Amino acid sequence: MAYFRAPGEILDFTAPSGGVTVGLFYLIGAALVFANATAAEGVKFAGVRKGMFAVAAKATGSAWTEGA
């Protein structure tokens, strides 16, 4: 039987090859997560799976479209 444990917006993930940098998005398996902390490869970090984020657009002529 399954039981509810937590909302699941912030979970612990293991940093992939090259590590993670706070404030950037990473694809961990099938989950797109926002790094809440900087972590070296193989170290656990808090990844946010759900929410609203304010990010800077890429500078060099990149135009973001809906859903990008």
PDB file of N, CA and C in Angstrom:
ATOM      1  N   MET A   1       0.840  -1.181   0.000  1.00  0.00           N
ATOM      2  CA  MET A   1       0.000   0.000   0.000  1.00  0.00           C
ATOM      3  C   MET A   1       0.882   1.241   0.000  1.00  0.00           C
ATOM      4  N   ALA A   2       0.474   2.275  -0.716  1.00  0.00           N
ATOM      5  CA  ALA A   2       1.229   3.526  -0.801  1.00  0.00           C
ATOM      6  C   ALA A   2       0.684   4.529   0.205  1.00  0.00           C
ATOM      7  N   TYR A   3       1.579   5.388   0.692  1.00  0.00           N
ATOM      8  CA  TYR A   3       1.198   6.426   1.635  1.00  0.00           C
ATOM      9  C   TYR A   3       1.764   7.754   1.177  1.00  0.00           C
ATOM     10  N   PHE A   4       0.997   8.847   1.374  1.00  0.00           N
ATOM     11  CA  PHE A   4       1.485  10.182   1.064  1.00  0.00           C
ATOM     12  C   PHE A   4       2.574  10.552   2.056  1.00  0.00           C
ATOM     13  N   ARG A   5       3.720  11.062   1.549  1.00  0.00           N
ATOM     14  CA  ARG A   5       4.830  11.417   2.432  1.00  0.00           C
ATOM     15  C   ARG A   5       5.132  12.900   2.428  1.00  0.00           C
ATOM     16  N   ALA A   6       5.044  13.564   1.267  1.00  0.00           N
ATOM     17  CA  ALA A   6       5.373  14.983   1.157  1.00  0.00           C
ATOM     18  C   ALA A   6       4.886  15.491  -0.198  1.00  0.00           C
ATOM     19  N   PRO A   7       4.730  16.802  -0.352  1.00  0.00           N
ATOM     20  CA  PRO A   7       4.265  17.343  -1.628  1.00  0.00           C
ATOM     21  C   PRO A   7       5.187  17.014  -2.811  1.00  0.00           C
ATOM     22  N   GLY A   8       6.485  16.931  -2.596  1.00  0.00           N
ATOM     23  CA  GLY A   8       7.396  16.525  -3.653  1.00  0.00           C
ATOM     24  C   GLY A   8       7.886  17.622  -4.578  1.00  0.00           C
ATOM     25  N   GLU A   9       7.722  18.888  -4.191  1.00  0.00           N
ATOM     26  CA  GLU A   9       8.230  19.955  -5.035  1.00  0.00           C
ATOM     27  C   GLU A   9       9.753  20.054  -4.964  1.00  0.00           C
ATOM     28  N   ILE A  10      10.339  19.787  -3.787  1.00  0.00           N
ATOM     29  CA  ILE A  10      11.786  19.816  -3.622  1.00  0.00           C
ATOM     30  C   ILE A  10      12.241  18.432  -3.166  1.00  0.00           C
ATOM     31  N   LEU A  11      13.127  17.838  -3.958  1.00  0.00           N
ATOM     32  CA  LEU A  11      13.618  16.496  -3.659  1.00  0.00           C
ATOM     33  C   LEU A  11      15.139  16.481  -3.703  1.00  0.00           C
ATOM     34  N   ASP A  12      15.721  15.477  -3.081  1.00  0.00           N
ATOM     35  CA  ASP A  12      17.175  15.297  -3.158  1.00  0.00           C
ATOM     36  C   ASP A  12      17.519  14.488  -4.399  1.00  0.00           C
ATOM     37  N   PHE A  13      18.496  14.981  -5.157  1.00  0.00           N
ATOM     38  CA  PHE A  13      18.998  14.305  -6.339  1.00  0.00           C
ATOM     39  C   PHE A  13      20.509  14.190  -6.204  1.00  0.00           C
ATOM     40  N   THR A  14      21.107  13.295  -6.970  1.00  0.00           N
ATOM     41  CA  THR A  14      22.559  13.168  -7.014  1.00  0.00           C
ATOM     42  C   THR A  14      23.063  13.949  -8.219  1.00  0.00           C
ATOM     43  N   ALA A  15      24.017  14.845  -7.991  1.00  0.00           N
ATOM     44  CA  ALA A  15      24.539  15.682  -9.071  1.00  0.00           C
ATOM     45  C   ALA A  15      25.179  14.814 -10.159  1.00  0.00           C
ATOM     46  N   PRO A  16      24.857  15.098 -11.423  1.00  0.00           N
ATOM     47  CA  PRO A  16      25.408  14.322 -12.536  1.00  0.00           C
ATOM     48  C   PRO A  16      26.856  14.698 -12.828  1.00  0.00           C
ATOM     49  N   SER A  17      27.409  14.085 -13.843  1.00  0.00           N
ATOM     50  CA  SER A  17      28.771  14.380 -14.287  1.00  0.00           C
ATOM     51  C   SER A  17      28.949  15.882 -14.489  1.00  0.00           C
ATOM     52  N   GLY A  18      29.983  16.445 -13.909  1.00  0.00           N
ATOM     53  CA  GLY A  18      30.224  17.882 -13.999  1.00  0.00           C
ATOM     54  C   GLY A  18      29.591  18.681 -12.872  1.00  0.00           C
ATOM     55  N   GLY A  19      28.733  18.047 -12.076  1.00  0.00           N
ATOM     56  CA  GLY A  19      28.095  18.723 -10.953  1.00  0.00           C
ATOM     57  C   GLY A  19      26.961  19.630 -11.398  1.00  0.00           C
ATOM     58  N   VAL A  20      26.417  20.384 -10.447  1.00  0.00           N
ATOM     59  CA  VAL A  20      25.336  21.334 -10.730  1.00  0.00           C
ATOM     60  C   VAL A  20      25.675  22.681 -10.113  1.00  0.00           C
ATOM     61  N   THR A  21      25.102  23.725 -10.693  1.00  0.00           N
ATOM     62  CA  THR A  21      25.298  25.093 -10.219  1.00  0.00           C
ATOM     63  C   THR A  21      23.952  25.662  -9.811  1.00  0.00           C
ATOM     64  N   VAL A  22      23.915  26.284  -8.642  1.00  0.00           N
ATOM     65  CA  VAL A  22      22.673  26.868  -8.142  1.00  0.00           C
ATOM     66  C   VAL A  22      22.104  27.827  -9.189  1.00  0.00           C
ATOM     67  N   GLY A  23      20.777  27.769  -9.360  1.00  0.00           N
ATOM     68  CA  GLY A  23      20.108  28.682 -10.271  1.00  0.00           C
ATOM     69  C   GLY A  23      19.981  28.196 -11.698  1.00  0.00           C
ATOM     70  N   LEU A  24      20.492  26.996 -12.001  1.00  0.00           N
ATOM     71  CA  LEU A  24      20.380  26.458 -13.348  1.00  0.00           C
ATOM     72  C   LEU A  24      19.476  25.230 -13.348  1.00  0.00           C
ATOM     73  N   PHE A  25      18.958  24.876 -14.520  1.00  0.00           N
ATOM     74  CA  PHE A  25      18.087  23.715 -14.673  1.00  0.00           C
ATOM     75  C   PHE A  25      18.889  22.528 -15.186  1.00  0.00           C
ATOM     76  N   TYR A  26      18.504  21.333 -14.742  1.00  0.00           N
ATOM     77  CA  TYR A  26      19.172  20.096 -15.148  1.00  0.00           C
ATOM     78  C   TYR A  26      18.132  19.024 -15.406  1.00  0.00           C
ATOM     79  N   LEU A  27      18.411  18.161 -16.365  1.00  0.00           N
ATOM     80  CA  LEU A  27      17.558  17.016 -16.633  1.00  0.00           C
ATOM     81  C   LEU A  27      18.162  15.829 -15.894  1.00  0.00           C
ATOM     82  N   ILE A  28      17.479  15.376 -14.854  1.00  0.00           N
ATOM     83  CA  ILE A  28      17.925  14.244 -14.058  1.00  0.00           C
ATOM     84  C   ILE A  28      16.954  13.108 -14.353  1.00  0.00           C
ATOM     85  N   GLY A  29      17.391  12.139 -15.138  1.00  0.00           N
ATOM     86  CA  GLY A  29      16.467  11.104 -15.609  1.00  0.00           C
ATOM     87  C   GLY A  29      15.424  11.765 -16.487  1.00  0.00           C
ATOM     88  N   ALA A  30      14.155  11.626 -16.132  1.00  0.00           N
ATOM     89  CA  ALA A  30      13.072  12.263 -16.885  1.00  0.00           C
ATOM     90  C   ALA A  30      12.586  13.541 -16.206  1.00  0.00           C
ATOM     91  N   ALA A  31      13.223  13.939 -15.095  1.00  0.00           N
ATOM     92  CA  ALA A  31      12.775  15.105 -14.328  1.00  0.00           C
ATOM     93  C   ALA A  31      13.629  16.333 -14.644  1.00  0.00           C
ATOM     94  N   LEU A  32      12.977  17.429 -15.008  1.00  0.00           N
ATOM     95  CA  LEU A  32      13.662  18.704 -15.167  1.00  0.00           C
ATOM     96  C   LEU A  32      13.654  19.378 -13.801  1.00  0.00           C
ATOM     97  N   VAL A  33      14.834  19.654 -13.240  1.00  0.00           N
ATOM     98  CA  VAL A  33      14.910  20.215 -11.888  1.00  0.00           C
ATOM     99  C   VAL A  33      15.753  21.480 -11.869  1.00  0.00           C
ATOM    100  N   PHE A  34      15.406  22.361 -10.959  1.00  0.00           N
ATOM    101  CA  PHE A  34      16.117  23.606 -10.712  1.00  0.00           C
ATOM    102  C   PHE A  34      17.028  23.374  -9.516  1.00  0.00           C
ATOM    103  N   ALA A  35      18.319  23.627  -9.671  1.00  0.00           N
ATOM    104  CA  ALA A  35      19.270  23.385  -8.579  1.00  0.00           C
ATOM    105  C   ALA A  35      19.157  24.485  -7.526  1.00  0.00           C
ATOM    106  N   ASN A  36      18.857  24.087  -6.302  1.00  0.00           N
ATOM    107  CA  ASN A  36      18.761  25.020  -5.174  1.00  0.00           C
ATOM    108  C   ASN A  36      20.115  25.222  -4.498  1.00  0.00           C
ATOM    109  N   ALA A  37      21.117  24.466  -4.927  1.00  0.00           N
ATOM    110  CA  ALA A  37      22.457  24.554  -4.348  1.00  0.00           C
ATOM    111  C   ALA A  37      23.465  24.094  -5.383  1.00  0.00           C
ATOM    112  N   THR A  38      24.699  24.523  -5.239  1.00  0.00           N
ATOM    113  CA  THR A  38      25.784  24.043  -6.087  1.00  0.00           C
ATOM    114  C   THR A  38      26.331  22.770  -5.462  1.00  0.00           C
ATOM    115  N   ALA A  39      26.572  21.755  -6.295  1.00  0.00           N
ATOM    116  CA  ALA A  39      27.079  20.481  -5.782  1.00  0.00           C
ATOM    117  C   ALA A  39      28.016  19.840  -6.803  1.00  0.00           C
ATOM    118  N   ALA A  40      29.055  19.218  -6.306  1.00  0.00           N
ATOM    119  CA  ALA A  40      29.998  18.499  -7.160  1.00  0.00           C
ATOM    120  C   ALA A  40      29.376  17.188  -7.625  1.00  0.00           C
ATOM    121  N   GLU A  41      29.923  16.615  -8.675  1.00  0.00           N
ATOM    122  CA  GLU A  41      29.455  15.342  -9.207  1.00  0.00           C
ATOM    123  C   GLU A  41      29.346  14.293  -8.107  1.00  0.00           C
ATOM    124  N   GLY A  42      28.211  13.597  -8.064  1.00  0.00           N
ATOM    125  CA  GLY A  42      28.000  12.529  -7.100  1.00  0.00           C
ATOM    126  C   GLY A  42      27.492  12.973  -5.745  1.00  0.00           C
ATOM    127  N   VAL A  43      27.409  14.279  -5.501  1.00  0.00           N
ATOM    128  CA  VAL A  43      26.945  14.818  -4.218  1.00  0.00           C
ATOM    129  C   VAL A  43      25.445  15.096  -4.302  1.00  0.00           C
ATOM    130  N   LYS A  44      24.729  14.861  -3.227  1.00  0.00           N
ATOM    131  CA  LYS A  44      23.292  15.143  -3.177  1.00  0.00           C
ATOM    132  C   LYS A  44      23.053  16.653  -3.183  1.00  0.00           C
ATOM    133  N   PHE A  45      21.977  17.078  -3.875  1.00  0.00           N
ATOM    134  CA  PHE A  45      21.581  18.489  -3.883  1.00  0.00           C
ATOM    135  C   PHE A  45      20.060  18.564  -3.890  1.00  0.00           C
ATOM    136  N   ALA A  46      19.521  19.696  -3.447  1.00  0.00           N
ATOM    137  CA  ALA A  46      18.081  19.910  -3.450  1.00  0.00           C
ATOM    138  C   ALA A  46      17.668  20.403  -4.824  1.00  0.00           C
ATOM    139  N   GLY A  47      16.777  19.673  -5.466  1.00  0.00           N
ATOM    140  CA  GLY A  47      16.271  20.054  -6.780  1.00  0.00           C
ATOM    141  C   GLY A  47      14.790  20.353  -6.714  1.00  0.00           C
ATOM    142  N   VAL A  48      14.398  21.488  -7.267  1.00  0.00           N
ATOM    143  CA  VAL A  48      12.995  21.900  -7.269  1.00  0.00           C
ATOM    144  C   VAL A  48      12.353  21.401  -8.554  1.00  0.00           C
ATOM    145  N   ARG A  49      11.286  20.640  -8.434  1.00  0.00           N
ATOM    146  CA  ARG A  49      10.620  20.057  -9.599  1.00  0.00           C
ATOM    147  C   ARG A  49       9.446  20.870 -10.089  1.00  0.00           C
ATOM    148  N   LYS A  50       8.898  21.741  -9.257  1.00  0.00           N
ATOM    149  CA  LYS A  50       7.646  22.387  -9.609  1.00  0.00           C
ATOM    150  C   LYS A  50       7.617  23.790  -9.033  1.00  0.00           C
ATOM    151  N   GLY A  51       7.139  24.757  -9.804  1.00  0.00           N
ATOM    152  CA  GLY A  51       7.021  26.129  -9.321  1.00  0.00           C
ATOM    153  C   GLY A  51       7.222  27.126 -10.439  1.00  0.00           C
ATOM    154  N   MET A  52       7.290  28.388 -10.077  1.00  0.00           N
ATOM    155  CA  MET A  52       7.541  29.464 -11.041  1.00  0.00           C
ATOM    156  C   MET A  52       8.937  29.996 -10.805  1.00  0.00           C
ATOM    157  N   PHE A  53       9.666  30.226 -11.883  1.00  0.00           N
ATOM    158  CA  PHE A  53      11.043  30.682 -11.785  1.00  0.00           C
ATOM    159  C   PHE A  53      11.242  31.912 -12.664  1.00  0.00           C
ATOM    160  N   ALA A  54      12.045  32.842 -12.206  1.00  0.00           N
ATOM    161  CA  ALA A  54      12.439  33.995 -13.016  1.00  0.00           C
ATOM    162  C   ALA A  54      13.877  33.753 -13.444  1.00  0.00           C
ATOM    163  N   VAL A  55      14.095  33.673 -14.742  1.00  0.00           N
ATOM    164  CA  VAL A  55      15.435  33.410 -15.266  1.00  0.00           C
ATOM    165  C   VAL A  55      15.780  34.452 -16.309  1.00  0.00           C
ATOM    166  N   ALA A  56      17.075  34.707 -16.462  1.00  0.00           N
ATOM    167  CA  ALA A  56      17.529  35.649 -17.477  1.00  0.00           C
ATOM    168  C   ALA A  56      17.537  34.962 -18.835  1.00  0.00           C
ATOM    169  N   ALA A  57      17.099  35.673 -19.854  1.00  0.00           N
ATOM    170  CA  ALA A  57      17.133  35.136 -21.212  1.00  0.00           C
ATOM    171  C   ALA A  57      18.569  35.122 -21.713  1.00  0.00           C
ATOM    172  N   LYS A  58      18.855  34.208 -22.621  1.00  0.00           N
ATOM    173  CA  LYS A  58      20.175  34.176 -23.238  1.00  0.00           C
ATOM    174  C   LYS A  58      20.364  35.466 -24.032  1.00  0.00           C
ATOM    175  N   ALA A  59      21.568  35.985 -24.016  1.00  0.00           N
ATOM    176  CA  ALA A  59      21.831  37.306 -24.597  1.00  0.00           C
ATOM    177  C   ALA A  59      21.895  37.323 -26.129  1.00  0.00           C
ATOM    178  N   THR A  60      22.605  36.418 -26.727  1.00  0.00           N
ATOM    179  CA  THR A  60      22.963  36.543 -28.135  1.00  0.00           C
ATOM    180  C   THR A  60      21.846  36.129 -29.088  1.00  0.00           C
ATOM    181  N   GLY A  61      20.864  36.976 -29.258  1.00  0.00           N
ATOM    182  CA  GLY A  61      19.850  36.781 -30.266  1.00  0.00           C
ATOM    183  C   GLY A  61      18.899  35.620 -30.036  1.00  0.00           C
ATOM    184  N   SER A  62      18.883  35.048 -28.849  1.00  0.00           N
ATOM    185  CA  SER A  62      17.974  33.947 -28.575  1.00  0.00           C
ATOM    186  C   SER A  62      16.599  34.487 -28.216  1.00  0.00           C
ATOM    187  N   ALA A  63      15.604  34.000 -28.893  1.00  0.00           N
ATOM    188  CA  ALA A  63      14.237  34.387 -28.559  1.00  0.00           C
ATOM    189  C   ALA A  63      13.551  33.180 -27.938  1.00  0.00           C
ATOM    190  N   TRP A  64      12.950  33.388 -26.796  1.00  0.00           N
ATOM    191  CA  TRP A  64      12.241  32.290 -26.139  1.00  0.00           C
ATOM    192  C   TRP A  64      10.804  32.290 -26.641  1.00  0.00           C
ATOM    193  N   THR A  65      10.283  31.120 -26.855  1.00  0.00           N
ATOM    194  CA  THR A  65       8.894  30.982 -27.251  1.00  0.00           C
ATOM    195  C   THR A  65       8.131  30.346 -26.101  1.00  0.00           C
ATOM    196  N   GLU A  66       6.829  30.383 -26.188  1.00  0.00           N
ATOM    197  CA  GLU A  66       6.007  29.792 -25.137  1.00  0.00           C
ATOM    198  C   GLU A  66       6.384  28.329 -24.933  1.00  0.00           C
ATOM    199  N   GLY A  67       6.612  27.951 -23.676  1.00  0.00           N
ATOM    200  CA  GLY A  67       6.977  26.583 -23.351  1.00  0.00           C
ATOM    201  C   GLY A  67       8.472  26.300 -23.396  1.00  0.00           C
ATOM    202  N   ALA A  68       9.253  27.263 -23.870  1.00  0.00           N
ATOM    203  CA  ALA A  68      10.712  27.034 -23.959  1.00  0.00           C
ATOM    204  C   ALA A  68      11.365  27.184 -22.598  1.00  0.00           C
TER     205      ALA A  68
END
